[in-house]
C-alpha cells in the first residue's frame, strides 16, 4: 500500500501543477459530487419527472452512503493530506501540494464517498433518460449521450478528489466500481408504497448496526475516530475541519432521510395533481424550501445536538418535496382559480 499511496501523492502533485488554471473547476466539481447533492438536487429534480424515479434516487442515496460509511470503518483507508505528513517518506523531496477548504474531511478515505454515491445515484437516472431519448429520436448516438456524460462526470469527480488531496486514485476507482454495482442492484428494488414501519425499522437497523460495529471495534482496541484526530493534526487550517464531515453526521443524514421518506409516502396526498405546471411549480417551491432548511446554521459545540439536528433536517427533505410543496401549490393555484 505504501507504494500505491506514494504514486497517488505524485499524481496529485502532477494534477495540481498541470491543471492549476482549472482549480476553480475542480473545486466546483468536487462540491457537485458531494453525497448531499443526491438528497437536495437529484431527488427533487427526478421526483417531479417521475415519482418512482425520485423515490429510487433517495433510497439509493441513503443506502449507498450508509454502506460507504460501513466500508470506511472496516477498511481504515488513509487520506493523502494526512498520510503525506504521517508517513515520513518525503523528508528530502517534499511534494509541492496544496490543501483546500474542502480537503480536510474527517472520515477514513476508502472507498471514496463522493465517487461511490455519485456513481450509484446517477446510474438510477441515466438508463431511464437514455430510454426516453431513444423512444423520441430512435437514434443510438443520442440515447448513448447520457452514458457518455455519466462517464465524464464520474471521471471529473474522481480527478477532483485526487486534486484536492481528499483521496488516493485507488480509493476513487473502488468507489466508482462499488457505486455502479449498487446503482444497478438497488435501483430495481424501490420501496414504493411501503408502510411507515418498514422505513422506521430500516432506519433503526442502519443506526444500530453502525453502533454495534462501533462498539465491536472499540472492544478490540480500535477507535473509529482515529481519522478525526489525524484530520485535525494535519489540516492546514483548523476552520476547514467541519463537524458535518464526521462519519456520524452521514449516519444521521441517512437514517433521517429514510424516516422522512416513510412519513412522506404514508401521508395522504389528495391535493397532488400530476400536471406539468403543478410539477414545475412544486419543484420551484421545494427548491426554495430545501435551500432554506439547508442554510439553517447548526450549533457545533455539542456533537450530540448537531447529529440530532442533522437527522431532523434530512427527515424534512422528503416531506418538503413530496408533501408540503405539492399541497402549497395546489392550495394557491386553487385559490387563484376561485378568485
C-alpha atoms as a PDB file:
ATOM      1  CA  UNK A   1       0.000   0.000   0.000  1.00  0.00           C
ATOM      2  CA  UNK A   2       2.916   2.323   0.678  1.00  0.00           C
ATOM      3  CA  UNK A   3       3.954   2.280  -2.988  1.00  0.00           C
ATOM      4  CA  UNK A   4       0.350   2.863  -4.089  1.00  0.00           C
ATOM      5  CA  UNK A   5      -0.012   5.782  -1.698  1.00  0.00           C
ATOM      6  CA  UNK A   6       3.284   7.297  -2.841  1.00  0.00           C
ATOM      7  CA  UNK A   7       2.246   7.152  -6.503  1.00  0.00           C
ATOM      8  CA  UNK A   8      -1.055   8.738  -5.532  1.00  0.00           C
ATOM      9  CA  UNK A   9       0.757  11.682  -3.919  1.00  0.00           C
ATOM     10  CA  UNK A  10       2.885  12.234  -7.033  1.00  0.00           C
ATOM     11  CA  UNK A  11      -0.248  12.039  -9.186  1.00  0.00           C
ATOM     12  CA  UNK A  12      -1.911  14.696  -7.016  1.00  0.00           C
ATOM     13  CA  UNK A  13       1.180  16.881  -7.356  1.00  0.00           C
ATOM     14  CA  UNK A  14       1.114  16.444 -11.148  1.00  0.00           C
ATOM     15  CA  UNK A  15      -2.576  17.387 -11.304  1.00  0.00           C
ATOM     16  CA  UNK A  16      -2.112  20.466  -9.127  1.00  0.00           C
ATOM     17  CA  UNK A  17       0.865  21.669 -11.163  1.00  0.00           C
ATOM     18  CA  UNK A  18      -0.503  20.991 -14.661  1.00  0.00           C
ATOM     19  CA  UNK A  19      -4.173  21.879 -14.117  1.00  0.00           C
ATOM     20  CA  UNK A  20      -3.717  24.812 -11.748  1.00  0.00           C
ATOM     21  CA  UNK A  21      -5.717  27.034 -14.086  1.00  0.00           C
ATOM     22  CA  UNK A  22      -8.653  24.621 -13.583  1.00  0.00           C
ATOM     23  CA  UNK A  23      -8.566  24.879  -9.796  1.00  0.00           C
ATOM     24  CA  UNK A  24     -11.986  26.515  -9.503  1.00  0.00           C
ATOM     25  CA  UNK A  25     -13.441  23.949 -11.888  1.00  0.00           C
ATOM     26  CA  UNK A  26     -12.161  21.037  -9.774  1.00  0.00           C
ATOM     27  CA  UNK A  27     -13.482  22.649  -6.586  1.00  0.00           C
ATOM     28  CA  UNK A  28     -16.902  23.103  -8.204  1.00  0.00           C
ATOM     29  CA  UNK A  29     -16.924  19.503  -9.427  1.00  0.00           C
ATOM     30  CA  UNK A  30     -15.992  18.114  -6.014  1.00  0.00           C
ATOM     31  CA  UNK A  31     -18.865  20.074  -4.448  1.00  0.00           C
ATOM     32  CA  UNK A  32     -21.204  18.725  -7.132  1.00  0.00           C
ATOM     33  CA  UNK A  33     -20.045  15.202  -6.225  1.00  0.00           C
ATOM     34  CA  UNK A  34     -20.918  15.691  -2.551  1.00  0.00           C
ATOM     35  CA  UNK A  35     -23.303  12.900  -1.387  1.00  0.00           C
ATOM     36  CA  UNK A  36     -25.743  15.575  -0.193  1.00  0.00           C
ATOM     37  CA  UNK A  37     -26.352  16.533  -3.846  1.00  0.00           C
ATOM     38  CA  UNK A  38     -28.282  13.291  -4.278  1.00  0.00           C
ATOM     39  CA  UNK A  39     -30.659  14.287  -1.470  1.00  0.00           C
ATOM     40  CA  UNK A  40     -31.001  18.000  -2.203  1.00  0.00           C
ATOM     41  CA  UNK A  41     -30.727  18.264  -6.004  1.00  0.00           C
ATOM     42  CA  UNK A  42     -31.096  14.975  -7.866  1.00  0.00           C
ATOM     43  CA  UNK A  43     -34.005  13.778  -5.714  1.00  0.00           C
ATOM     44  CA  UNK A  44     -36.373  16.752  -6.259  1.00  0.00           C
ATOM     45  CA  UNK A  45     -35.462  17.047  -9.952  1.00  0.00           C
ATOM     46  CA  UNK A  46     -36.139  13.371 -10.602  1.00  0.00           C
ATOM     47  CA  UNK A  47     -39.208  13.172  -8.348  1.00  0.00           C
ATOM     48  CA  UNK A  48     -41.121  15.798 -10.297  1.00  0.00           C
ATOM     49  CA  UNK A  49     -40.311  13.960 -13.522  1.00  0.00           C
ATOM     50  CA  UNK A  50     -41.330  10.562 -12.152  1.00  0.00           C
ATOM     51  CA  UNK A  51     -42.409   9.884  -8.585  1.00  0.00           C
ATOM     52  CA  UNK A  52     -40.951   6.383  -8.611  1.00  0.00           C
ATOM     53  CA  UNK A  53     -37.654   7.635 -10.030  1.00  0.00           C
ATOM     54  CA  UNK A  54     -37.345  10.252  -7.284  1.00  0.00           C
ATOM     55  CA  UNK A  55     -38.018   7.686  -4.576  1.00  0.00           C
ATOM     56  CA  UNK A  56     -35.398   5.399  -6.156  1.00  0.00           C
ATOM     57  CA  UNK A  57     -32.831   8.216  -6.121  1.00  0.00           C
ATOM     58  CA  UNK A  58     -33.454   8.967  -2.436  1.00  0.00           C
ATOM     59  CA  UNK A  59     -33.392   5.276  -1.493  1.00  0.00           C
ATOM     60  CA  UNK A  60     -30.146   4.643  -3.367  1.00  0.00           C
ATOM     61  CA  UNK A  61     -28.549   7.815  -1.959  1.00  0.00           C
ATOM     62  CA  UNK A  62     -29.235   6.857   1.648  1.00  0.00           C
ATOM     63  CA  UNK A  63     -28.250   3.197   1.384  1.00  0.00           C
ATOM     64  CA  UNK A  64     -25.125   3.843  -0.673  1.00  0.00           C
ATOM     65  CA  UNK A  65     -23.825   6.490   1.708  1.00  0.00           C
ATOM     66  CA  UNK A  66     -24.517   4.213   4.693  1.00  0.00           C
ATOM     67  CA  UNK A  67     -22.713   1.289   3.038  1.00  0.00           C
ATOM     68  CA  UNK A  68     -19.835   3.612   2.184  1.00  0.00           C
ATOM     69  CA  UNK A  69     -19.611   4.602   5.852  1.00  0.00           C
ATOM     70  CA  UNK A  70     -19.522   0.967   6.975  1.00  0.00           C
ATOM     71  CA  UNK A  71     -16.810   0.148   4.428  1.00  0.00           C
ATOM     72  CA  UNK A  72     -14.718   3.118   5.540  1.00  0.00           C
ATOM     73  CA  UNK A  73     -14.861   1.965   9.152  1.00  0.00           C
ATOM     74  CA  UNK A  74     -13.757  -1.538   8.163  1.00  0.00           C
ATOM     75  CA  UNK A  75     -11.085  -0.669   5.563  1.00  0.00           C
ATOM     76  CA  UNK A  76      -9.308   2.111   7.548  1.00  0.00           C
ATOM     77  CA  UNK A  77      -8.316   3.999   4.394  1.00  0.00           C
ATOM     78  CA  UNK A  78      -5.783   6.821   4.678  1.00  0.00           C
ATOM     79  CA  UNK A  79      -6.293  10.248   3.155  1.00  0.00           C
ATOM     80  CA  UNK A  80      -3.468  11.947   1.199  1.00  0.00           C
ATOM     81  CA  UNK A  81      -3.494  15.209   3.156  1.00  0.00           C
ATOM     82  CA  UNK A  82      -2.623  13.463   6.427  1.00  0.00           C
ATOM     83  CA  UNK A  83      -0.750  10.418   5.067  1.00  0.00           C
ATOM     84  CA  UNK A  84       1.934  12.583   3.445  1.00  0.00           C
ATOM     85  CA  UNK A  85       2.744  14.013   6.874  1.00  0.00           C
ATOM     86  CA  UNK A  86       2.455  10.783   8.839  1.00  0.00           C
ATOM     87  CA  UNK A  87       4.474   8.507   6.563  1.00  0.00           C
ATOM     88  CA  UNK A  88       7.821  10.393   6.901  1.00  0.00           C
ATOM     89  CA  UNK A  89       8.796   9.311   3.365  1.00  0.00           C
ATOM     90  CA  UNK A  90       9.124  12.794   1.899  1.00  0.00           C
ATOM     91  CA  UNK A  91      11.868  14.263   4.073  1.00  0.00           C
ATOM     92  CA  UNK A  92      14.360  15.034   1.289  1.00  0.00           C
ATOM     93  CA  UNK A  93      11.962  15.528  -1.635  1.00  0.00           C
ATOM     94  CA  UNK A  94       8.734  17.038  -0.380  1.00  0.00           C
ATOM     95  CA  UNK A  95       5.873  17.100  -2.911  1.00  0.00           C
ATOM     96  CA  UNK A  96       4.609  20.521  -3.917  1.00  0.00           C
ATOM     97  CA  UNK A  97       0.964  20.049  -2.979  1.00  0.00           C
ATOM     98  CA  UNK A  98      -1.686  22.343  -1.518  1.00  0.00           C
ATOM     99  CA  UNK A  99      -4.775  21.855   0.586  1.00  0.00           C
ATOM    100  CA  UNK A 100      -8.168  23.492   0.029  1.00  0.00           C
ATOM    101  CA  UNK A 101     -11.178  24.309   2.248  1.00  0.00           C
ATOM    102  CA  UNK A 102     -12.899  21.075   1.155  1.00  0.00           C
ATOM    103  CA  UNK A 103      -9.787  18.900   1.623  1.00  0.00           C
ATOM    104  CA  UNK A 104      -9.952  18.198   5.347  1.00  0.00           C
ATOM    105  CA  UNK A 105     -12.661  15.550   5.579  1.00  0.00           C
ATOM    106  CA  UNK A 106     -12.538  13.629   8.839  1.00  0.00           C
ATOM    107  CA  UNK A 107     -13.692  10.134   7.882  1.00  0.00           C
ATOM    108  CA  UNK A 108     -11.444   7.316   6.635  1.00  0.00           C
ATOM    109  CA  UNK A 109     -10.653   7.524   2.927  1.00  0.00           C
ATOM    110  CA  UNK A 110     -11.545   4.171   1.379  1.00  0.00           C
ATOM    111  CA  UNK A 111     -13.659   3.982  -0.679  1.00  0.00           C
ATOM    112  CA  UNK A 112     -14.380   7.494  -1.923  1.00  0.00           C
ATOM    113  CA  UNK A 113     -17.865   8.503  -0.802  1.00  0.00           C
ATOM    114  CA  UNK A 114     -18.171  11.220  -3.430  1.00  0.00           C
ATOM    115  CA  UNK A 115     -17.366   8.762  -6.219  1.00  0.00           C
ATOM    116  CA  UNK A 116     -19.439   5.919  -4.797  1.00  0.00           C
ATOM    117  CA  UNK A 117     -22.628   7.891  -4.130  1.00  0.00           C
ATOM    118  CA  UNK A 118     -22.358   9.853  -7.388  1.00  0.00           C
ATOM    119  CA  UNK A 119     -21.922   6.629  -9.383  1.00  0.00           C
ATOM    120  CA  UNK A 120     -24.892   4.954  -7.692  1.00  0.00           C
ATOM    121  CA  UNK A 121     -27.315   7.893  -7.740  1.00  0.00           C
ATOM    122  CA  UNK A 122     -26.730   8.988 -11.315  1.00  0.00           C
ATOM    123  CA  UNK A 123     -26.872   5.384 -12.545  1.00  0.00           C
ATOM    124  CA  UNK A 124     -30.503   5.345 -11.378  1.00  0.00           C
ATOM    125  CA  UNK A 125     -31.216   8.343 -13.621  1.00  0.00           C
ATOM    126  CA  UNK A 126     -29.158   7.506 -16.727  1.00  0.00           C
ATOM    127  CA  UNK A 127     -30.907   4.356 -18.117  1.00  0.00           C
ATOM    128  CA  UNK A 128     -34.450   5.855 -17.955  1.00  0.00           C
ATOM    129  CA  UNK A 129     -33.183   9.055 -19.573  1.00  0.00           C
ATOM    130  CA  UNK A 130     -31.443   7.057 -22.301  1.00  0.00           C
ATOM    131  CA  UNK A 131     -34.610   5.018 -22.945  1.00  0.00           C
ATOM    132  CA  UNK A 132     -36.691   8.181 -23.136  1.00  0.00           C
ATOM    133  CA  UNK A 133     -34.336   9.774 -25.672  1.00  0.00           C
ATOM    134  CA  UNK A 134     -34.296   6.595 -27.745  1.00  0.00           C
ATOM    135  CA  UNK A 135     -38.118   6.422 -27.785  1.00  0.00           C
ATOM    136  CA  UNK A 136     -38.292  10.015 -29.035  1.00  0.00           C
ATOM    137  CA  UNK A 137     -35.414  10.083 -31.530  1.00  0.00           C
ATOM    138  CA  UNK A 138     -34.680   6.406 -32.379  1.00  0.00           C
ATOM    139  CA  UNK A 139     -31.021   7.387 -32.731  1.00  0.00           C
ATOM    140  CA  UNK A 140     -28.438   5.380 -30.809  1.00  0.00           C
ATOM    141  CA  UNK A 141     -25.935   8.225 -30.621  1.00  0.00           C
ATOM    142  CA  UNK A 142     -28.450  10.460 -28.831  1.00  0.00           C
ATOM    143  CA  UNK A 143     -29.597   7.700 -26.486  1.00  0.00           C
ATOM    144  CA  UNK A 144     -25.931   6.963 -25.684  1.00  0.00           C
ATOM    145  CA  UNK A 145     -25.253  10.589 -24.706  1.00  0.00           C
ATOM    146  CA  UNK A 146     -26.427  10.158 -21.059  1.00  0.00           C
ATOM    147  CA  UNK A 147     -23.963   7.290 -20.592  1.00  0.00           C
ATOM    148  CA  UNK A 148     -21.152   9.399 -22.047  1.00  0.00           C
ATOM    149  CA  UNK A 149     -21.992  12.315 -19.751  1.00  0.00           C
ATOM    150  CA  UNK A 150     -22.221   9.870 -16.833  1.00  0.00           C
ATOM    151  CA  UNK A 151     -18.721   8.571 -17.551  1.00  0.00           C
ATOM    152  CA  UNK A 152     -17.321  12.083 -17.871  1.00  0.00           C
ATOM    153  CA  UNK A 153     -18.983  13.101 -14.604  1.00  0.00           C
ATOM    154  CA  UNK A 154     -17.503  10.152 -12.713  1.00  0.00           C
ATOM    155  CA  UNK A 155     -14.065  10.856 -14.176  1.00  0.00           C
ATOM    156  CA  UNK A 156     -14.265  14.546 -13.267  1.00  0.00           C
ATOM    157  CA  UNK A 157     -15.450  13.867  -9.700  1.00  0.00           C
ATOM    158  CA  UNK A 158     -12.695  11.283  -9.234  1.00  0.00           C
ATOM    159  CA  UNK A 159      -9.965  13.593 -10.524  1.00  0.00           C
ATOM    160  CA  UNK A 160     -11.257  16.446  -8.368  1.00  0.00           C
ATOM    161  CA  UNK A 161     -10.970  14.271  -5.257  1.00  0.00           C
ATOM    162  CA  UNK A 162      -7.373  13.427  -6.103  1.00  0.00           C
ATOM    163  CA  UNK A 163      -6.619  17.069  -6.949  1.00  0.00           C
ATOM    164  CA  UNK A 164      -7.731  18.380  -3.538  1.00  0.00           C
ATOM    165  CA  UNK A 165      -5.858  15.582  -1.652  1.00  0.00           C
ATOM    166  CA  UNK A 166      -9.061  14.026  -0.289  1.00  0.00           C
ATOM    167  CA  UNK A 167      -8.479  10.583  -1.853  1.00  0.00           C
ATOM    168  CA  UNK A 168      -5.905   8.335  -3.470  1.00  0.00           C
ATOM    169  CA  UNK A 169      -6.611   7.097  -7.039  1.00  0.00           C
ATOM    170  CA  UNK A 170      -7.352   3.507  -5.955  1.00  0.00           C
ATOM    171  CA  UNK A 171      -9.971   4.783  -3.492  1.00  0.00           C
ATOM    172  CA  UNK A 172     -11.702   6.662  -6.285  1.00  0.00           C
ATOM    173  CA  UNK A 173     -11.710   3.621  -8.588  1.00  0.00           C
ATOM    174  CA  UNK A 174     -13.057   1.419  -5.784  1.00  0.00           C
ATOM    175  CA  UNK A 175     -15.796   3.927  -5.029  1.00  0.00           C
ATOM    176  CA  UNK A 176     -16.897   4.217  -8.665  1.00  0.00           C
ATOM    177  CA  UNK A 177     -16.968   0.439  -9.125  1.00  0.00           C
ATOM    178  CA  UNK A 178     -18.938  -0.177  -5.931  1.00  0.00           C
ATOM    179  CA  UNK A 179     -21.318   2.692  -6.737  1.00  0.00           C
ATOM    180  CA  UNK A 180     -22.174   1.348 -10.191  1.00  0.00           C
ATOM    181  CA  UNK A 181     -22.950  -2.085  -8.794  1.00  0.00           C
ATOM    182  CA  UNK A 182     -25.107  -0.602  -6.040  1.00  0.00           C
ATOM    183  CA  UNK A 183     -26.931   1.633  -8.523  1.00  0.00           C
ATOM    184  CA  UNK A 184     -27.776  -1.399 -10.660  1.00  0.00           C
ATOM    185  CA  UNK A 185     -28.785  -3.558  -7.679  1.00  0.00           C
ATOM    186  CA  UNK A 186     -30.706  -1.040  -5.550  1.00  0.00           C
ATOM    187  CA  UNK A 187     -32.270   0.863  -8.441  1.00  0.00           C
ATOM    188  CA  UNK A 188     -34.542  -2.091  -9.212  1.00  0.00           C
ATOM    189  CA  UNK A 189     -35.605  -2.521  -5.583  1.00  0.00           C
ATOM    190  CA  UNK A 190     -37.536   0.652  -4.865  1.00  0.00           C
ATOM    191  CA  UNK A 191     -39.583   0.654  -1.608  1.00  0.00           C
ATOM    192  CA  UNK A 192     -42.583   2.359  -3.176  1.00  0.00           C
ATOM    193  CA  UNK A 193     -45.802   2.149  -1.186  1.00  0.00           C
ATOM    194  CA  UNK A 194     -44.204   0.507   1.849  1.00  0.00           C
ATOM    195  CA  UNK A 195     -45.688   1.188   5.319  1.00  0.00           C
ATOM    196  CA  UNK A 196     -44.055   3.650   7.688  1.00  0.00           C
ATOM    197  CA  UNK A 197     -42.950   0.807   9.961  1.00  0.00           C
ATOM    198  CA  UNK A 198     -40.732  -0.548   7.159  1.00  0.00           C
ATOM    199  CA  UNK A 199     -38.767   2.707   6.902  1.00  0.00           C
ATOM    200  CA  UNK A 200     -38.542   3.260  10.666  1.00  0.00           C
ATOM    201  CA  UNK A 201     -37.311  -0.317  11.122  1.00  0.00           C
ATOM    202  CA  UNK A 202     -34.827   0.018   8.277  1.00  0.00           C
ATOM    203  CA  UNK A 203     -33.526   3.300   9.663  1.00  0.00           C
ATOM    204  CA  UNK A 204     -33.210   1.834  13.147  1.00  0.00           C
ATOM    205  CA  UNK A 205     -31.415  -1.201  11.701  1.00  0.00           C
ATOM    206  CA  UNK A 206     -28.897   1.036   9.943  1.00  0.00           C
ATOM    207  CA  UNK A 207     -28.313   3.022  13.136  1.00  0.00           C
ATOM    208  CA  UNK A 208     -27.916   0.030  15.426  1.00  0.00           C
ATOM    209  CA  UNK A 209     -25.714  -1.915  13.019  1.00  0.00           C
ATOM    210  CA  UNK A 210     -23.366   1.082  12.834  1.00  0.00           C
ATOM    211  CA  UNK A 211     -23.344   1.423  16.620  1.00  0.00           C
ATOM    212  CA  UNK A 212     -22.720  -2.311  17.061  1.00  0.00           C
ATOM    213  CA  UNK A 213     -19.798  -2.123  14.631  1.00  0.00           C
ATOM    214  CA  UNK A 214     -18.515   0.897  16.536  1.00  0.00           C
ATOM    215  CA  UNK A 215     -18.698  -0.877  19.899  1.00  0.00           C
ATOM    216  CA  UNK A 216     -17.234  -4.089  18.473  1.00  0.00           C
ATOM    217  CA  UNK A 217     -14.203  -2.326  17.050  1.00  0.00           C
ATOM    218  CA  UNK A 218     -13.696  -0.402  20.289  1.00  0.00           C
ATOM    219  CA  UNK A 219     -13.719  -3.684  22.228  1.00  0.00           C
ATOM    220  CA  UNK A 220     -10.770  -4.894  20.152  1.00  0.00           C
ATOM    221  CA  UNK A 221      -8.936  -1.630  20.754  1.00  0.00           C
ATOM    222  CA  UNK A 222      -9.823   0.315  17.601  1.00  0.00           C
ATOM    223  CA  UNK A 223     -11.071   3.881  17.938  1.00  0.00           C
ATOM    224  CA  UNK A 224     -13.311   4.780  14.993  1.00  0.00           C
ATOM    225  CA  UNK A 225     -12.464   8.450  15.482  1.00  0.00           C
ATOM    226  CA  UNK A 226      -8.763   7.908  14.718  1.00  0.00           C
ATOM    227  CA  UNK A 227      -9.217   9.660  11.388  1.00  0.00           C
ATOM    228  CA  UNK A 228     -10.719  12.748  13.057  1.00  0.00           C
ATOM    229  CA  UNK A 229      -7.566  13.187  15.141  1.00  0.00           C
ATOM    230  CA  UNK A 230      -5.364  12.910  12.039  1.00  0.00           C
ATOM    231  CA  UNK A 231      -7.514  15.387  10.123  1.00  0.00           C
ATOM    232  CA  UNK A 232      -7.205  17.945  12.929  1.00  0.00           C
ATOM    233  CA  UNK A 233      -3.466  17.329  13.184  1.00  0.00           C
ATOM    234  CA  UNK A 234      -2.571  17.750   9.504  1.00  0.00           C
ATOM    235  CA  UNK A 235      -5.188  20.129   8.124  1.00  0.00           C
ATOM    236  CA  UNK A 236      -3.610  23.429   7.067  1.00  0.00           C
ATOM    237  CA  UNK A 237      -6.420  25.468   8.589  1.00  0.00           C
ATOM    238  CA  UNK A 238      -8.380  24.473  11.691  1.00  0.00           C
ATOM    239  CA  UNK A 239     -11.578  26.056  10.320  1.00  0.00           C
ATOM    240  CA  UNK A 240     -11.555  23.593   7.423  1.00  0.00           C
ATOM    241  CA  UNK A 241     -12.232  20.644   9.746  1.00  0.00           C
ATOM    242  CA  UNK A 242     -16.041  20.585   9.821  1.00  0.00           C
ATOM    243  CA  UNK A 243     -18.361  18.556  12.000  1.00  0.00           C
ATOM    244  CA  UNK A 244     -20.588  17.679   9.039  1.00  0.00           C
ATOM    245  CA  UNK A 245     -17.792  15.525   7.577  1.00  0.00           C
ATOM    246  CA  UNK A 246     -17.586  13.307  10.692  1.00  0.00           C
ATOM    247  CA  UNK A 247     -18.934   9.807   9.851  1.00  0.00           C
ATOM    248  CA  UNK A 248     -21.772  10.018  12.394  1.00  0.00           C
ATOM    249  CA  UNK A 249     -23.118  13.056  10.545  1.00  0.00           C
ATOM    250  CA  UNK A 250     -23.612  10.934   7.400  1.00  0.00           C
ATOM    251  CA  UNK A 251     -25.277   8.239   9.510  1.00  0.00           C
ATOM    252  CA  UNK A 252     -27.751  10.770  10.944  1.00  0.00           C
ATOM    253  CA  UNK A 253     -28.448  12.082   7.440  1.00  0.00           C
ATOM    254  CA  UNK A 254     -29.193   8.643   6.006  1.00  0.00           C
ATOM    255  CA  UNK A 255     -31.376   7.499   8.901  1.00  0.00           C
ATOM    256  CA  UNK A 256     -33.335  10.752   8.896  1.00  0.00           C
ATOM    257  CA  UNK A 257     -33.888  10.573   5.153  1.00  0.00           C
ATOM    258  CA  UNK A 258     -35.443   7.102   5.336  1.00  0.00           C
ATOM    259  CA  UNK A 259     -37.763   8.102   8.179  1.00  0.00           C
ATOM    260  CA  UNK A 260     -38.798  11.168   6.180  1.00  0.00           C
ATOM    261  CA  UNK A 261     -39.370   9.042   3.083  1.00  0.00           C
ATOM    262  CA  UNK A 262     -41.641   6.734   5.081  1.00  0.00           C
ATOM    263  CA  UNK A 263     -43.611   9.653   6.508  1.00  0.00           C
ATOM    264  CA  UNK A 264     -43.959  11.294   3.092  1.00  0.00           C
ATOM    265  CA  UNK A 265     -45.140   8.128   1.337  1.00  0.00           C
ATOM    266  CA  UNK A 266     -47.726   7.402   4.016  1.00  0.00           C
ATOM    267  CA  UNK A 267     -49.063  10.950   4.127  1.00  0.00           C
ATOM    268  CA  UNK A 268     -52.431  11.395   2.476  1.00  0.00           C
ATOM    269  CA  UNK A 269     -51.790  13.438  -0.683  1.00  0.00           C
ATOM    270  CA  UNK A 270     -55.185  14.062  -2.249  1.00  0.00           C
ATOM    271  CA  UNK A 271     -54.002  17.526  -3.256  1.00  0.00           C
ATOM    272  CA  UNK A 272     -51.304  16.248  -5.610  1.00  0.00           C
ATOM    273  CA  UNK A 273     -52.048  16.970  -9.263  1.00  0.00           C
ATOM    274  CA  UNK A 274     -49.678  15.462 -11.857  1.00  0.00           C
ATOM    275  CA  UNK A 275     -49.967  18.223 -14.455  1.00  0.00           C
ATOM    276  CA  UNK A 276     -46.730  19.653 -15.809  1.00  0.00           C
ATOM    277  CA  UNK A 277     -47.475  23.122 -14.462  1.00  0.00           C
ATOM    278  CA  UNK A 278     -48.067  21.787 -10.964  1.00  0.00           C
ATOM    279  CA  UNK A 279     -44.883  19.733 -11.125  1.00  0.00           C
ATOM    280  CA  UNK A 280     -42.810  22.713 -12.264  1.00  0.00           C
ATOM    281  CA  UNK A 281     -44.257  24.979  -9.559  1.00  0.00           C
ATOM    282  CA  UNK A 282     -43.806  22.272  -6.923  1.00  0.00           C
ATOM    283  CA  UNK A 283     -40.174  21.870  -7.963  1.00  0.00           C
ATOM    284  CA  UNK A 284     -39.614  25.616  -7.589  1.00  0.00           C
ATOM    285  CA  UNK A 285     -41.294  25.715  -4.167  1.00  0.00           C
ATOM    286  CA  UNK A 286     -39.438  22.643  -2.929  1.00  0.00           C
ATOM    287  CA  UNK A 287     -36.116  24.099  -4.114  1.00  0.00           C
ATOM    288  CA  UNK A 288     -36.737  27.217  -2.053  1.00  0.00           C
ATOM    289  CA  UNK A 289     -37.767  25.129   0.937  1.00  0.00           C
ATOM    290  CA  UNK A 290     -34.723  22.854   0.715  1.00  0.00           C
ATOM    291  CA  UNK A 291     -32.413  25.840   0.362  1.00  0.00           C
ATOM    292  CA  UNK A 292     -33.860  27.471   3.485  1.00  0.00           C
ATOM    293  CA  UNK A 293     -33.613  24.250   5.503  1.00  0.00           C
ATOM    294  CA  UNK A 294     -30.082  23.544   4.295  1.00  0.00           C
ATOM    295  CA  UNK A 295     -28.971  27.107   5.101  1.00  0.00           C
ATOM    296  CA  UNK A 296     -30.047  26.923   8.735  1.00  0.00           C
ATOM    297  CA  UNK A 297     -26.972  27.338  10.981  1.00  0.00           C
ATOM    298  CA  UNK A 298     -26.387  24.471  13.381  1.00  0.00           C
ATOM    299  CA  UNK A 299     -24.547  24.789  16.720  1.00  0.00           C
ATOM    300  CA  UNK A 300     -21.373  22.708  16.664  1.00  0.00           C
ATOM    301  CA  UNK A 301     -20.452  22.912  20.347  1.00  0.00           C
ATOM    302  CA  UNK A 302     -22.453  19.801  21.201  1.00  0.00           C
ATOM    303  CA  UNK A 303     -21.917  16.895  18.794  1.00  0.00           C
ATOM    304  CA  UNK A 304     -24.992  15.024  20.029  1.00  0.00           C
ATOM    305  CA  UNK A 305     -27.236  18.032  19.377  1.00  0.00           C
ATOM    306  CA  UNK A 306     -25.620  18.557  15.979  1.00  0.00           C
ATOM    307  CA  UNK A 307     -26.336  14.966  14.882  1.00  0.00           C
ATOM    308  CA  UNK A 308     -29.934  15.210  16.124  1.00  0.00           C
ATOM    309  CA  UNK A 309     -30.476  18.385  14.103  1.00  0.00           C
ATOM    310  CA  UNK A 310     -28.960  16.734  11.001  1.00  0.00           C
ATOM    311  CA  UNK A 311     -31.412  13.861  11.490  1.00  0.00           C
ATOM    312  CA  UNK A 312     -34.349  16.281  11.729  1.00  0.00           C
ATOM    313  CA  UNK A 313     -33.164  18.333   8.744  1.00  0.00           C
ATOM    314  CA  UNK A 314     -32.980  15.372   6.417  1.00  0.00           C
ATOM    315  CA  UNK A 315     -36.235  13.943   7.739  1.00  0.00           C
ATOM    316  CA  UNK A 316     -37.781  17.149   6.422  1.00  0.00           C
ATOM    317  CA  UNK A 317     -36.259  16.785   2.922  1.00  0.00           C
ATOM    318  CA  UNK A 318     -38.704  14.138   1.591  1.00  0.00           C
ATOM    319  CA  UNK A 319     -41.616  15.836   3.356  1.00  0.00           C
ATOM    320  CA  UNK A 320     -40.861  19.199   1.750  1.00  0.00           C
ATOM    321  CA  UNK A 321     -40.573  17.686  -1.729  1.00  0.00           C
ATOM    322  CA  UNK A 322     -43.314  15.049  -1.649  1.00  0.00           C
ATOM    323  CA  UNK A 323     -45.936  16.610   0.638  1.00  0.00           C
ATOM    324  CA  UNK A 324     -45.501  20.273   1.579  1.00  0.00           C
ATOM    325  CA  UNK A 325     -44.653  21.705  -1.848  1.00  0.00           C
ATOM    326  CA  UNK A 326     -47.432  19.942  -3.811  1.00  0.00           C
ATOM    327  CA  UNK A 327     -50.001  20.863  -1.140  1.00  0.00           C
ATOM    328  CA  UNK A 328     -48.968  24.525  -1.148  1.00  0.00           C
ATOM    329  CA  UNK A 329     -49.036  24.695  -4.946  1.00  0.00           C
ATOM    330  CA  UNK A 330     -52.467  23.060  -5.054  1.00  0.00           C
ATOM    331  CA  UNK A 331     -53.796  25.416  -2.375  1.00  0.00           C
ATOM    332  CA  UNK A 332     -52.618  28.634  -4.035  1.00  0.00           C
ATOM    333  CA  UNK A 333     -53.499  27.616  -7.597  1.00  0.00           C
ATOM    334  CA  UNK A 334     -56.986  26.547  -6.492  1.00  0.00           C
ATOM    335  CA  UNK A 335     -57.434  29.833  -4.673  1.00  0.00           C
ATOM    336  CA  UNK A 336     -56.328  31.809  -7.741  1.00  0.00           C
ATOM    337  CA  UNK A 337     -58.827  29.933  -9.921  1.00  0.00           C
ATOM    338  CA  UNK A 338     -61.654  30.685  -7.497  1.00  0.00           C
ATOM    339  CA  UNK A 339     -60.726  34.385  -7.390  1.00  0.00           C
END
